[in-house]
Amino acid sequence: MPVSQVQPFDIEIEYPTEINDCKMSNYIEWMESCSHISITGCPAISVPAGFCEKGLPFGIQIVAPNNKDFRLLQIAYAFEQATKYNEIHPDLS
């Protein structure tokens, strides 16, 4: 699942106030895709998953059933080894 509902945004922006014509009323609302998992108590991990058209990184969130933390780490590691996105760093200059 996505880590957030938007691509990386300018550091001067406190938080996205609108996503696809839907108004965001607070800081938490724009990142509901990851906060909803937090309340389940299931283990989750975010891993690099590619780059947007501006060359900035984005990630995916991998979620496992309760008490499967070690298996989740194994899956995340396998994903990183397969994609190598964790080894690519954007040019921020």
C-alpha atoms as a PDB file:
ATOM      1  CA  MET A   1       0.000   0.000   0.000  1.00  0.00           C
ATOM      2  CA  PRO A   2       1.170   3.596  -0.422  1.00  0.00           C
ATOM      3  CA  VAL A   3       3.170   5.316   2.287  1.00  0.00           C
ATOM      4  CA  SER A   4       1.381   8.587   1.556  1.00  0.00           C
ATOM      5  CA  GLN A   5      -1.255   9.830  -0.824  1.00  0.00           C
ATOM      6  CA  VAL A   6       0.960  12.447  -2.457  1.00  0.00           C
ATOM      7  CA  GLN A   7       4.348  12.686  -4.059  1.00  0.00           C
ATOM      8  CA  PRO A   8       7.126  14.505  -2.206  1.00  0.00           C
ATOM      9  CA  PHE A   9       6.289  18.198  -1.883  1.00  0.00           C
ATOM     10  CA  ASP A  10       8.226  21.415  -1.332  1.00  0.00           C
ATOM     11  CA  ILE A  11       9.737  21.846   2.127  1.00  0.00           C
ATOM     12  CA  GLU A  12       8.078  25.265   2.393  1.00  0.00           C
ATOM     13  CA  ILE A  13       4.622  23.617   2.343  1.00  0.00           C
ATOM     14  CA  GLU A  14       3.457  22.575   5.829  1.00  0.00           C
ATOM     15  CA  TYR A  15       1.201  19.851   4.398  1.00  0.00           C
ATOM     16  CA  PRO A  16      -0.915  19.295   1.282  1.00  0.00           C
ATOM     17  CA  THR A  17      -4.238  21.067   1.704  1.00  0.00           C
ATOM     18  CA  GLU A  18      -5.896  19.346  -1.251  1.00  0.00           C
ATOM     19  CA  ILE A  19      -5.530  15.974  -2.985  1.00  0.00           C
ATOM     20  CA  ASN A  20      -7.434  15.351  -6.222  1.00  0.00           C
ATOM     21  CA  ASP A  21      -9.880  18.180  -5.435  1.00  0.00           C
ATOM     22  CA  CYS A  22     -10.483  16.808  -1.924  1.00  0.00           C
ATOM     23  CA  LYS A  23      -9.726  19.308   0.849  1.00  0.00           C
ATOM     24  CA  MET A  24      -7.408  18.212   3.673  1.00  0.00           C
ATOM     25  CA  SER A  25      -8.375  19.854   6.965  1.00  0.00           C
ATOM     26  CA  ASN A  26      -5.296  18.954   9.012  1.00  0.00           C
ATOM     27  CA  TYR A  27      -1.785  17.543   8.954  1.00  0.00           C
ATOM     28  CA  ILE A  28      -2.833  13.938   9.645  1.00  0.00           C
ATOM     29  CA  GLU A  29      -5.559  13.779   6.996  1.00  0.00           C
ATOM     30  CA  TRP A  30      -3.155  13.929   4.042  1.00  0.00           C
ATOM     31  CA  MET A  31      -1.361  10.792   5.206  1.00  0.00           C
ATOM     32  CA  GLU A  32      -4.298   8.640   6.226  1.00  0.00           C
ATOM     33  CA  SER A  33      -3.101   5.740   4.113  1.00  0.00           C
ATOM     34  CA  CYS A  34      -0.324   5.055   6.617  1.00  0.00           C
ATOM     35  CA  SER A  35      -2.014   6.249   9.819  1.00  0.00           C
ATOM     36  CA  HIS A  36      -4.911   3.825   9.338  1.00  0.00           C
ATOM     37  CA  ILE A  37      -2.492   0.905   9.526  1.00  0.00           C
ATOM     38  CA  SER A  38      -0.974   2.252  12.746  1.00  0.00           C
ATOM     39  CA  ILE A  39      -4.241   1.912  14.648  1.00  0.00           C
ATOM     40  CA  THR A  40      -4.589  -1.786  13.702  1.00  0.00           C
ATOM     41  CA  GLY A  41      -1.502  -2.733  15.693  1.00  0.00           C
ATOM     42  CA  CYS A  42      -0.194  -4.738  12.754  1.00  0.00           C
ATOM     43  CA  PRO A  43       3.516  -4.432  12.055  1.00  0.00           C
ATOM     44  CA  ALA A  44       4.297  -2.271   9.029  1.00  0.00           C
ATOM     45  CA  ILE A  45       7.442  -1.073   7.321  1.00  0.00           C
ATOM     46  CA  SER A  46       8.070   1.518   4.629  1.00  0.00           C
ATOM     47  CA  VAL A  47      10.577   0.711   1.905  1.00  0.00           C
ATOM     48  CA  PRO A  48      11.828   2.654  -1.121  1.00  0.00           C
ATOM     49  CA  ALA A  49       9.757   1.816  -4.200  1.00  0.00           C
ATOM     50  CA  GLY A  50      10.811   4.161  -6.980  1.00  0.00           C
ATOM     51  CA  PHE A  51      10.976   7.778  -8.027  1.00  0.00           C
ATOM     52  CA  CYS A  52       8.409  10.299  -9.236  1.00  0.00           C
ATOM     53  CA  GLU A  53       8.810  12.246 -12.488  1.00  0.00           C
ATOM     54  CA  LYS A  54      10.752  14.930 -10.570  1.00  0.00           C
ATOM     55  CA  GLY A  55      13.263  12.288  -9.478  1.00  0.00           C
ATOM     56  CA  LEU A  56      12.219  12.309  -5.820  1.00  0.00           C
ATOM     57  CA  PRO A  57      11.806   9.012  -3.969  1.00  0.00           C
ATOM     58  CA  PHE A  58       8.564   7.447  -2.864  1.00  0.00           C
ATOM     59  CA  GLY A  59       7.856   4.294  -0.930  1.00  0.00           C
ATOM     60  CA  ILE A  60       5.411   1.538  -0.274  1.00  0.00           C
ATOM     61  CA  GLN A  61       4.237   0.263   3.057  1.00  0.00           C
ATOM     62  CA  ILE A  62       4.306  -3.490   3.623  1.00  0.00           C
ATOM     63  CA  VAL A  63       1.961  -4.744   6.336  1.00  0.00           C
ATOM     64  CA  ALA A  64       1.949  -8.124   8.069  1.00  0.00           C
ATOM     65  CA  PRO A  65      -0.450  -9.844  10.439  1.00  0.00           C
ATOM     66  CA  ASN A  66       0.007  -9.335  14.180  1.00  0.00           C
ATOM     67  CA  ASN A  67       3.058 -11.024  15.676  1.00  0.00           C
ATOM     68  CA  LYS A  68       4.701 -11.542  12.271  1.00  0.00           C
ATOM     69  CA  ASP A  69       7.334  -8.828  12.719  1.00  0.00           C
ATOM     70  CA  PHE A  70      10.297 -11.002  11.777  1.00  0.00           C
ATOM     71  CA  ARG A  71       8.533 -12.265   8.635  1.00  0.00           C
ATOM     72  CA  LEU A  72       7.764  -8.648   7.710  1.00  0.00           C
ATOM     73  CA  LEU A  73      11.447  -7.746   8.008  1.00  0.00           C
ATOM     74  CA  GLN A  74      12.342 -10.707   5.790  1.00  0.00           C
ATOM     75  CA  ILE A  75       9.850  -9.607   3.141  1.00  0.00           C
ATOM     76  CA  ALA A  76      11.058  -5.989   3.265  1.00  0.00           C
ATOM     77  CA  TYR A  77      14.660  -7.132   2.913  1.00  0.00           C
ATOM     78  CA  ALA A  78      13.760  -9.378  -0.032  1.00  0.00           C
ATOM     79  CA  PHE A  79      11.947  -6.465  -1.705  1.00  0.00           C
ATOM     80  CA  GLU A  80      14.963  -4.194  -1.255  1.00  0.00           C
ATOM     81  CA  GLN A  81      17.316  -6.847  -2.610  1.00  0.00           C
ATOM     82  CA  ALA A  82      15.094  -7.430  -5.637  1.00  0.00           C
ATOM     83  CA  THR A  83      14.528  -3.771  -6.529  1.00  0.00           C
ATOM     84  CA  LYS A  84      17.756  -2.118  -5.272  1.00  0.00           C
ATOM     85  CA  TYR A  85      15.803   1.151  -4.802  1.00  0.00           C
ATOM     86  CA  ASN A  86      17.410   1.460  -1.377  1.00  0.00           C
ATOM     87  CA  GLU A  87      20.783   1.900  -3.102  1.00  0.00           C
ATOM     88  CA  ILE A  88      19.687   4.723  -5.437  1.00  0.00           C
ATOM     89  CA  HIS A  89      19.904   8.263  -4.109  1.00  0.00           C
ATOM     90  CA  PRO A  90      18.312  11.259  -5.854  1.00  0.00           C
ATOM     91  CA  ASP A  91      20.387  14.266  -6.837  1.00  0.00           C
ATOM     92  CA  LEU A  92      19.243  16.934  -4.390  1.00  0.00           C
ATOM     93  CA  SER A  93      21.568  19.667  -5.624  1.00  0.00           C
END
